[in-house]
Full PDB file with SEQRES, HELIX, SHEET, SSBOND, CRYST1, ORIGX, SCALE, CONECT and MASTER records, all heavy atoms in Angstrom:
SEQRES   1 A   31  ARG LEU THR PHE GLU GLY ALA LEU ARG GLY LEU PHE GLY          
SEQRES   2 A   31  ARG HIS GLN GLN GLY GLY ALA VAL GLU PHE GLN TYR ARG          
SEQRES   3 A   31  SER VAL GLY LEU CYS                                          
HELIX    1 AA1 LEU A    2  HIS A   15  1                                  14    
CRYST1    1.000    1.000    1.000  90.00  90.00  90.00 P 1           1          
ORIGX1      1.000000  0.000000  0.000000        0.00000                         
ORIGX2      0.000000  1.000000  0.000000        0.00000                         
ORIGX3      0.000000  0.000000  1.000000        0.00000                         
SCALE1      1.000000  0.000000  0.000000        0.00000                         
SCALE2      0.000000  1.000000  0.000000        0.00000                         
SCALE3      0.000000  0.000000  1.000000        0.00000                         
ATOM      1  N   ARG A   1       5.218   5.804   3.121  1.00  0.00           N  
ATOM      2  CA  ARG A   1       6.049   4.625   2.882  1.00  0.00           C  
ATOM      3  C   ARG A   1       6.801   4.185   4.144  1.00  0.00           C  
ATOM      4  O   ARG A   1       6.920   2.990   4.406  1.00  0.00           O  
ATOM      5  CB  ARG A   1       7.051   4.913   1.747  1.00  0.00           C  
ATOM      6  CG  ARG A   1       7.950   3.733   1.422  1.00  0.00           C  
ATOM      7  CD  ARG A   1       8.960   4.073   0.349  1.00  0.00           C  
ATOM      8  NE  ARG A   1       9.940   3.005   0.198  1.00  0.00           N  
ATOM      9  CZ  ARG A   1      10.100   2.284  -0.900  1.00  0.00           C  
ATOM     10  NH1 ARG A   1       9.342   2.512  -1.951  1.00  0.00           N  
ATOM     11  NH2 ARG A   1      11.018   1.341  -0.959  1.00  0.00           N  
ATOM     12  N   LEU A   2       7.299   5.132   4.924  1.00  0.00           N  
ATOM     13  CA  LEU A   2       8.082   4.764   6.103  1.00  0.00           C  
ATOM     14  C   LEU A   2       7.227   4.015   7.116  1.00  0.00           C  
ATOM     15  O   LEU A   2       7.668   3.008   7.684  1.00  0.00           O  
ATOM     16  CB  LEU A   2       8.703   6.011   6.735  1.00  0.00           C  
ATOM     17  CG  LEU A   2       9.865   6.646   5.964  1.00  0.00           C  
ATOM     18  CD1 LEU A   2      10.342   7.905   6.680  1.00  0.00           C  
ATOM     19  CD2 LEU A   2      11.021   5.657   5.811  1.00  0.00           C  
ATOM     20  N   THR A   3       6.029   4.498   7.364  1.00  0.00           N  
ATOM     21  CA  THR A   3       5.138   3.813   8.305  1.00  0.00           C  
ATOM     22  C   THR A   3       4.775   2.429   7.772  1.00  0.00           C  
ATOM     23  O   THR A   3       4.749   1.444   8.525  1.00  0.00           O  
ATOM     24  CB  THR A   3       3.860   4.638   8.537  1.00  0.00           C  
ATOM     25  OG1 THR A   3       4.221   5.885   9.136  1.00  0.00           O  
ATOM     26  CG2 THR A   3       2.890   3.904   9.449  1.00  0.00           C  
ATOM     27  N   PHE A   4       4.495   2.360   6.489  1.00  0.00           N  
ATOM     28  CA  PHE A   4       4.137   1.089   5.870  1.00  0.00           C  
ATOM     29  C   PHE A   4       5.299   0.104   5.959  1.00  0.00           C  
ATOM     30  O   PHE A   4       5.107  -1.066   6.317  1.00  0.00           O  
ATOM     31  CB  PHE A   4       3.747   1.327   4.414  1.00  0.00           C  
ATOM     32  CG  PHE A   4       3.321   0.092   3.672  1.00  0.00           C  
ATOM     33  CD1 PHE A   4       2.122  -0.546   3.963  1.00  0.00           C  
ATOM     34  CD2 PHE A   4       4.112  -0.436   2.656  1.00  0.00           C  
ATOM     35  CE1 PHE A   4       1.720  -1.677   3.276  1.00  0.00           C  
ATOM     36  CE2 PHE A   4       3.719  -1.571   1.956  1.00  0.00           C  
ATOM     37  CZ  PHE A   4       2.517  -2.184   2.271  1.00  0.00           C  
ATOM     38  N   GLU A   5       6.507   0.572   5.666  1.00  0.00           N  
ATOM     39  CA  GLU A   5       7.663  -0.320   5.734  1.00  0.00           C  
ATOM     40  C   GLU A   5       7.902  -0.799   7.152  1.00  0.00           C  
ATOM     41  O   GLU A   5       8.246  -1.968   7.385  1.00  0.00           O  
ATOM     42  CB  GLU A   5       8.907   0.376   5.192  1.00  0.00           C  
ATOM     43  CG  GLU A   5      10.125  -0.528   5.160  1.00  0.00           C  
ATOM     44  CD  GLU A   5      11.315   0.089   4.449  1.00  0.00           C  
ATOM     45  OE1 GLU A   5      11.109   0.846   3.476  1.00  0.00           O  
ATOM     46  OE2 GLU A   5      12.449  -0.209   4.867  1.00  0.00           O  
ATOM     47  N   GLY A   6       7.697   0.071   8.123  1.00  0.00           N  
ATOM     48  CA  GLY A   6       7.829  -0.350   9.512  1.00  0.00           C  
ATOM     49  C   GLY A   6       6.835  -1.438   9.869  1.00  0.00           C  
ATOM     50  O   GLY A   6       7.173  -2.402  10.573  1.00  0.00           O  
ATOM     51  N   ALA A   7       5.604  -1.297   9.374  1.00  0.00           N  
ATOM     52  CA  ALA A   7       4.591  -2.319   9.623  1.00  0.00           C  
ATOM     53  C   ALA A   7       4.972  -3.636   8.955  1.00  0.00           C  
ATOM     54  O   ALA A   7       4.748  -4.719   9.512  1.00  0.00           O  
ATOM     55  CB  ALA A   7       3.232  -1.841   9.121  1.00  0.00           C  
ATOM     56  N   LEU A   8       5.556  -3.546   7.769  1.00  0.00           N  
ATOM     57  CA  LEU A   8       5.997  -4.763   7.077  1.00  0.00           C  
ATOM     58  C   LEU A   8       7.102  -5.467   7.859  1.00  0.00           C  
ATOM     59  O   LEU A   8       7.093  -6.700   7.981  1.00  0.00           O  
ATOM     60  CB  LEU A   8       6.513  -4.424   5.678  1.00  0.00           C  
ATOM     61  CG  LEU A   8       5.497  -4.016   4.630  1.00  0.00           C  
ATOM     62  CD1 LEU A   8       6.221  -3.583   3.353  1.00  0.00           C  
ATOM     63  CD2 LEU A   8       4.536  -5.158   4.316  1.00  0.00           C  
ATOM     64  N   ARG A   9       8.046  -4.702   8.363  1.00  0.00           N  
ATOM     65  CA  ARG A   9       9.141  -5.310   9.136  1.00  0.00           C  
ATOM     66  C   ARG A   9       8.589  -5.981  10.399  1.00  0.00           C  
ATOM     67  O   ARG A   9       9.049  -7.055  10.793  1.00  0.00           O  
ATOM     68  CB  ARG A   9      10.196  -4.261   9.477  1.00  0.00           C  
ATOM     69  CG  ARG A   9      10.970  -3.758   8.258  1.00  0.00           C  
ATOM     70  CD  ARG A   9      12.076  -2.792   8.641  1.00  0.00           C  
ATOM     71  NE  ARG A   9      12.731  -2.229   7.483  1.00  0.00           N  
ATOM     72  CZ  ARG A   9      13.707  -2.830   6.792  1.00  0.00           C  
ATOM     73  NH1 ARG A   9      14.145  -4.026   7.169  1.00  0.00           N  
ATOM     74  NH2 ARG A   9      14.256  -2.235   5.746  1.00  0.00           N  
ATOM     75  N   GLY A  10       7.617  -5.334  11.025  1.00  0.00           N  
ATOM     76  CA  GLY A  10       6.993  -5.955  12.186  1.00  0.00           C  
ATOM     77  C   GLY A  10       6.270  -7.236  11.822  1.00  0.00           C  
ATOM     78  O   GLY A  10       6.336  -8.229  12.559  1.00  0.00           O  
ATOM     79  N   LEU A  11       5.582  -7.214  10.690  1.00  0.00           N  
ATOM     80  CA  LEU A  11       4.881  -8.405  10.199  1.00  0.00           C  
ATOM     81  C   LEU A  11       5.867  -9.541   9.954  1.00  0.00           C  
ATOM     82  O   LEU A  11       5.632 -10.692  10.359  1.00  0.00           O  
ATOM     83  CB  LEU A  11       4.136  -8.044   8.914  1.00  0.00           C  
ATOM     84  CG  LEU A  11       3.195  -9.085   8.314  1.00  0.00           C  
ATOM     85  CD1 LEU A  11       2.031  -9.354   9.260  1.00  0.00           C  
ATOM     86  CD2 LEU A  11       2.673  -8.586   6.972  1.00  0.00           C  
ATOM     87  N   PHE A  12       6.982  -9.208   9.301  1.00  0.00           N  
ATOM     88  CA  PHE A  12       8.002 -10.225   9.052  1.00  0.00           C  
ATOM     89  C   PHE A  12       8.536 -10.785  10.373  1.00  0.00           C  
ATOM     90  O   PHE A  12       8.657 -12.009  10.529  1.00  0.00           O  
ATOM     91  CB  PHE A  12       9.147  -9.633   8.229  1.00  0.00           C  
ATOM     92  CG  PHE A  12      10.227 -10.628   7.894  1.00  0.00           C  
ATOM     93  CD1 PHE A  12      10.146 -11.392   6.732  1.00  0.00           C  
ATOM     94  CD2 PHE A  12      11.312 -10.825   8.741  1.00  0.00           C  
ATOM     95  CE1 PHE A  12      11.124 -12.323   6.427  1.00  0.00           C  
ATOM     96  CE2 PHE A  12      12.296 -11.752   8.445  1.00  0.00           C  
ATOM     97  CZ  PHE A  12      12.197 -12.505   7.277  1.00  0.00           C  
ATOM     98  N   GLY A  13       8.851  -9.908  11.296  1.00  0.00           N  
ATOM     99  CA  GLY A  13       9.411 -10.354  12.567  1.00  0.00           C  
ATOM    100  C   GLY A  13       8.485 -11.277  13.340  1.00  0.00           C  
ATOM    101  O   GLY A  13       8.938 -12.246  13.966  1.00  0.00           O  
ATOM    102  N   ARG A  14       7.189 -11.013  13.293  1.00  0.00           N  
ATOM    103  CA  ARG A  14       6.228 -11.857  14.023  1.00  0.00           C  
ATOM    104  C   ARG A  14       6.066 -13.226  13.403  1.00  0.00           C  
ATOM    105  O   ARG A  14       5.764 -14.204  14.112  1.00  0.00           O  
ATOM    106  CB  ARG A  14       4.859 -11.169  14.078  1.00  0.00           C  
ATOM    107  CG  ARG A  14       4.794  -9.957  14.971  1.00  0.00           C  
ATOM    108  CD  ARG A  14       3.372  -9.515  15.235  1.00  0.00           C  
ATOM    109  NE  ARG A  14       2.634  -9.182  14.017  1.00  0.00           N  
ATOM    110  CZ  ARG A  14       2.702  -7.999  13.405  1.00  0.00           C  
ATOM    111  NH1 ARG A  14       3.510  -7.058  13.876  1.00  0.00           N  
ATOM    112  NH2 ARG A  14       1.970  -7.759  12.332  1.00  0.00           N  
ATOM    113  N   HIS A  15       6.257 -13.329  12.105  1.00  0.00           N  
ATOM    114  CA  HIS A  15       5.911 -14.576  11.406  1.00  0.00           C  
ATOM    115  C   HIS A  15       7.097 -15.340  10.842  1.00  0.00           C  
ATOM    116  O   HIS A  15       6.916 -16.471  10.364  1.00  0.00           O  
ATOM    117  CB  HIS A  15       4.906 -14.276  10.287  1.00  0.00           C  
ATOM    118  CG  HIS A  15       3.601 -13.780  10.783  1.00  0.00           C  
ATOM    119  ND1 HIS A  15       2.661 -14.604  11.374  1.00  0.00           N  
ATOM    120  CD2 HIS A  15       3.058 -12.524  10.807  1.00  0.00           C  
ATOM    121  CE1 HIS A  15       1.604 -13.891  11.726  1.00  0.00           C  
ATOM    122  NE2 HIS A  15       1.820 -12.631  11.401  1.00  0.00           N  
ATOM    123  N   GLN A  16       8.291 -14.764  10.892  1.00  0.00           N  
ATOM    124  CA  GLN A  16       9.444 -15.459  10.314  1.00  0.00           C  
ATOM    125  C   GLN A  16       9.780 -16.707  11.121  1.00  0.00           C  
ATOM    126  O   GLN A  16       9.618 -16.757  12.336  1.00  0.00           O  
ATOM    127  CB  GLN A  16      10.642 -14.508  10.225  1.00  0.00           C  
ATOM    128  CG  GLN A  16      11.159 -13.991  11.559  1.00  0.00           C  
ATOM    129  CD  GLN A  16      12.125 -14.938  12.246  1.00  0.00           C  
ATOM    130  OE1 GLN A  16      12.770 -15.780  11.598  1.00  0.00           O  
ATOM    131  NE2 GLN A  16      12.235 -14.826  13.562  1.00  0.00           N  
ATOM    132  N   GLN A  17      10.238 -17.687  10.424  1.00  0.00           N  
ATOM    133  CA  GLN A  17      10.772 -18.910  11.025  1.00  0.00           C  
ATOM    134  C   GLN A  17      12.093 -19.210  10.347  1.00  0.00           C  
ATOM    135  O   GLN A  17      12.137 -19.376   9.123  1.00  0.00           O  
ATOM    136  CB  GLN A  17       9.797 -20.071  10.856  1.00  0.00           C  
ATOM    137  CG  GLN A  17       8.496 -19.889  11.610  1.00  0.00           C  
ATOM    138  CD  GLN A  17       7.602 -21.110  11.535  1.00  0.00           C  
ATOM    139  OE1 GLN A  17       7.923 -22.096  10.880  1.00  0.00           O  
ATOM    140  NE2 GLN A  17       6.469 -21.047  12.219  1.00  0.00           N  
ATOM    141  N   GLY A  18      13.155 -19.224  11.136  1.00  0.00           N  
ATOM    142  CA  GLY A  18      14.477 -19.434  10.565  1.00  0.00           C  
ATOM    143  C   GLY A  18      14.884 -18.314   9.629  1.00  0.00           C  
ATOM    144  O   GLY A  18      15.636 -18.535   8.677  1.00  0.00           O  
ATOM    145  N   GLY A  19      14.376 -17.104   9.883  1.00  0.00           N  
ATOM    146  CA  GLY A  19      14.751 -15.949   9.073  1.00  0.00           C  
ATOM    147  C   GLY A  19      14.010 -15.838   7.767  1.00  0.00           C  
ATOM    148  O   GLY A  19      14.448 -15.092   6.876  1.00  0.00           O  
ATOM    149  N   ALA A  20      12.891 -16.539   7.620  1.00  0.00           N  
ATOM    150  CA  ALA A  20      12.160 -16.505   6.349  1.00  0.00           C  
ATOM    151  C   ALA A  20      10.661 -16.597   6.592  1.00  0.00           C  
ATOM    152  O   ALA A  20      10.205 -17.131   7.613  1.00  0.00           O  
ATOM    153  CB  ALA A  20      12.608 -17.651   5.443  1.00  0.00           C  
ATOM    154  N   VAL A  21       9.892 -16.055   5.648  1.00  0.00           N  
ATOM    155  CA  VAL A  21       8.449 -16.221   5.616  1.00  0.00           C  
ATOM    156  C   VAL A  21       8.071 -16.778   4.250  1.00  0.00           C  
ATOM    157  O   VAL A  21       8.863 -16.749   3.300  1.00  0.00           O  
ATOM    158  CB  VAL A  21       7.690 -14.895   5.858  1.00  0.00           C  
ATOM    159  CG1 VAL A  21       7.969 -14.371   7.257  1.00  0.00           C  
ATOM    160  CG2 VAL A  21       8.031 -13.851   4.800  1.00  0.00           C  
ATOM    161  N   GLU A  22       6.846 -17.281   4.157  1.00  0.00           N  
ATOM    162  CA  GLU A  22       6.394 -17.892   2.912  1.00  0.00           C  
ATOM    163  C   GLU A  22       5.089 -17.255   2.454  1.00  0.00           C  
ATOM    164  O   GLU A  22       4.155 -17.105   3.249  1.00  0.00           O  
ATOM    165  CB  GLU A  22       6.207 -19.396   3.100  1.00  0.00           C  
ATOM    166  CG  GLU A  22       5.863 -20.138   1.827  1.00  0.00           C  
ATOM    167  CD  GLU A  22       5.878 -21.646   2.010  1.00  0.00           C  
ATOM    168  OE1 GLU A  22       6.961 -22.248   1.841  1.00  0.00           O  
ATOM    169  OE2 GLU A  22       4.824 -22.212   2.356  1.00  0.00           O  
ATOM    170  N   PHE A  23       5.042 -16.871   1.191  1.00  0.00           N  
ATOM    171  CA  PHE A  23       3.802 -16.465   0.535  1.00  0.00           C  
ATOM    172  C   PHE A  23       3.219 -17.685  -0.156  1.00  0.00           C  
ATOM    173  O   PHE A  23       3.906 -18.327  -0.957  1.00  0.00           O  
ATOM    174  CB  PHE A  23       4.080 -15.398  -0.531  1.00  0.00           C  
ATOM    175  CG  PHE A  23       3.941 -13.976  -0.059  1.00  0.00           C  
ATOM    176  CD1 PHE A  23       4.125 -13.634   1.258  1.00  0.00           C  
ATOM    177  CD2 PHE A  23       3.636 -12.972  -0.961  1.00  0.00           C  
ATOM    178  CE1 PHE A  23       4.004 -12.330   1.681  1.00  0.00           C  
ATOM    179  CE2 PHE A  23       3.515 -11.660  -0.561  1.00  0.00           C  
ATOM    180  CZ  PHE A  23       3.696 -11.327   0.770  1.00  0.00           C  
ATOM    181  N   GLN A  24       1.963 -17.999   0.121  1.00  0.00           N  
ATOM    182  CA  GLN A  24       1.279 -19.075  -0.587  1.00  0.00           C  
ATOM    183  C   GLN A  24       0.382 -18.478  -1.665  1.00  0.00           C  
ATOM    184  O   GLN A  24      -0.227 -17.424  -1.468  1.00  0.00           O  
ATOM    185  CB  GLN A  24       0.437 -19.919   0.362  1.00  0.00           C  
ATOM    186  CG  GLN A  24       1.241 -20.736   1.356  1.00  0.00           C  
ATOM    187  CD  GLN A  24       1.387 -20.040   2.685  1.00  0.00           C  
ATOM    188  OE1 GLN A  24       0.707 -19.068   2.973  1.00  0.00           O  
ATOM    189  NE2 GLN A  24       2.314 -20.515   3.497  1.00  0.00           N  
ATOM    190  N   TYR A  25       0.340 -19.157  -2.802  1.00  0.00           N  
ATOM    191  CA  TYR A  25      -0.474 -18.711  -3.930  1.00  0.00           C  
ATOM    192  C   TYR A  25      -1.399 -19.824  -4.406  1.00  0.00           C  
ATOM    193  O   TYR A  25      -1.095 -21.020  -4.261  1.00  0.00           O  
ATOM    194  CB  TYR A  25       0.412 -18.319  -5.126  1.00  0.00           C  
ATOM    195  CG  TYR A  25       1.383 -17.209  -4.879  1.00  0.00           C  
ATOM    196  CD1 TYR A  25       2.729 -17.482  -4.621  1.00  0.00           C  
ATOM    197  CD2 TYR A  25       0.978 -15.873  -4.927  1.00  0.00           C  
ATOM    198  CE1 TYR A  25       3.632 -16.465  -4.415  1.00  0.00           C  
ATOM    199  CE2 TYR A  25       1.889 -14.848  -4.723  1.00  0.00           C  
ATOM    200  CZ  TYR A  25       3.215 -15.146  -4.468  1.00  0.00           C  
ATOM    201  OH  TYR A  25       4.112 -14.135  -4.252  1.00  0.00           O  
ATOM    202  N   ARG A  26      -2.504 -19.410  -4.999  1.00  0.00           N  
ATOM    203  CA  ARG A  26      -3.320 -20.260  -5.852  1.00  0.00           C  
ATOM    204  C   ARG A  26      -3.000 -19.848  -7.284  1.00  0.00           C  
ATOM    205  O   ARG A  26      -3.306 -18.723  -7.696  1.00  0.00           O  
ATOM    206  CB  ARG A  26      -4.809 -20.054  -5.573  1.00  0.00           C  
ATOM    207  CG  ARG A  26      -5.258 -20.461  -4.195  1.00  0.00           C  
ATOM    208  CD  ARG A  26      -6.647 -19.936  -3.865  1.00  0.00           C  
ATOM    209  NE  ARG A  26      -7.564 -20.058  -5.001  1.00  0.00           N  
ATOM    210  CZ  ARG A  26      -8.162 -19.008  -5.592  1.00  0.00           C  
ATOM    211  NH1 ARG A  26      -7.951 -17.780  -5.160  1.00  0.00           N  
ATOM    212  NH2 ARG A  26      -8.983 -19.211  -6.602  1.00  0.00           N  
ATOM    213  N   SER A  27      -2.357 -20.724  -8.029  1.00  0.00           N  
ATOM    214  CA  SER A  27      -2.056 -20.427  -9.431  1.00  0.00           C  
ATOM    215  C   SER A  27      -3.245 -20.893 -10.260  1.00  0.00           C  
ATOM    216  O   SER A  27      -3.456 -22.088 -10.449  1.00  0.00           O  
ATOM    217  CB  SER A  27      -0.774 -21.141  -9.874  1.00  0.00           C  
ATOM    218  OG  SER A  27       0.331 -20.637  -9.161  1.00  0.00           O  
ATOM    219  N   VAL A  28      -4.044 -19.921 -10.711  1.00  0.00           N  
ATOM    220  CA  VAL A  28      -5.296 -20.233 -11.402  1.00  0.00           C  
ATOM    221  C   VAL A  28      -5.147 -19.943 -12.894  1.00  0.00           C  
ATOM    222  O   VAL A  28      -4.536 -18.940 -13.282  1.00  0.00           O  
ATOM    223  CB  VAL A  28      -6.484 -19.437 -10.808  1.00  0.00           C  
ATOM    224  CG1 VAL A  28      -6.713 -19.814  -9.362  1.00  0.00           C  
ATOM    225  CG2 VAL A  28      -6.238 -17.930 -10.914  1.00  0.00           C  
ATOM    226  N   GLY A  29      -5.672 -20.840 -13.707  1.00  0.00           N  
ATOM    227  CA  GLY A  29      -5.562 -20.687 -15.155  1.00  0.00           C  
ATOM    228  C   GLY A  29      -6.861 -20.986 -15.860  1.00  0.00           C  
ATOM    229  O   GLY A  29      -7.686 -21.779 -15.387  1.00  0.00           O  
ATOM    230  N   LEU A  30      -7.035 -20.342 -17.012  1.00  0.00           N  
ATOM    231  CA  LEU A  30      -8.185 -20.563 -17.869  1.00  0.00           C  
ATOM    232  C   LEU A  30      -7.689 -20.643 -19.313  1.00  0.00           C  
ATOM    233  O   LEU A  30      -6.971 -19.750 -19.773  1.00  0.00           O  
ATOM    234  CB  LEU A  30      -9.184 -19.414 -17.740  1.00  0.00           C  
ATOM    235  CG  LEU A  30     -10.536 -19.592 -18.455  1.00  0.00           C  
ATOM    236  CD1 LEU A  30     -11.398 -20.594 -17.698  1.00  0.00           C  
ATOM    237  CD2 LEU A  30     -11.263 -18.240 -18.533  1.00  0.00           C  
ATOM    238  N   CYS A  31      -8.016 -21.721 -19.993  1.00  0.00           N  
ATOM    239  CA  CYS A  31      -7.740 -21.865 -21.423  1.00  0.00           C  
ATOM    240  C   CYS A  31      -9.073 -21.792 -22.183  1.00  0.00           C  
ATOM    241  O   CYS A  31     -10.080 -22.354 -21.738  1.00  0.00           O  
ATOM    242  CB  CYS A  31      -7.058 -23.201 -21.734  1.00  0.00           C  
ATOM    243  SG  CYS A  31      -5.303 -23.265 -21.318  1.00  0.00           S  
TER     244      CYS A  31                                                      
MASTER        0    0    0    1    0    0    0    6  243    1    0    3          
END                                                                             
């Protein structure tokens, strides 16, 4: 977990803009 969390923090630091990052989703549905 510690190594993984460190990698996540690095990922956030590389991609943040104004202190935030965005996850994009495809919201898919079937009726």
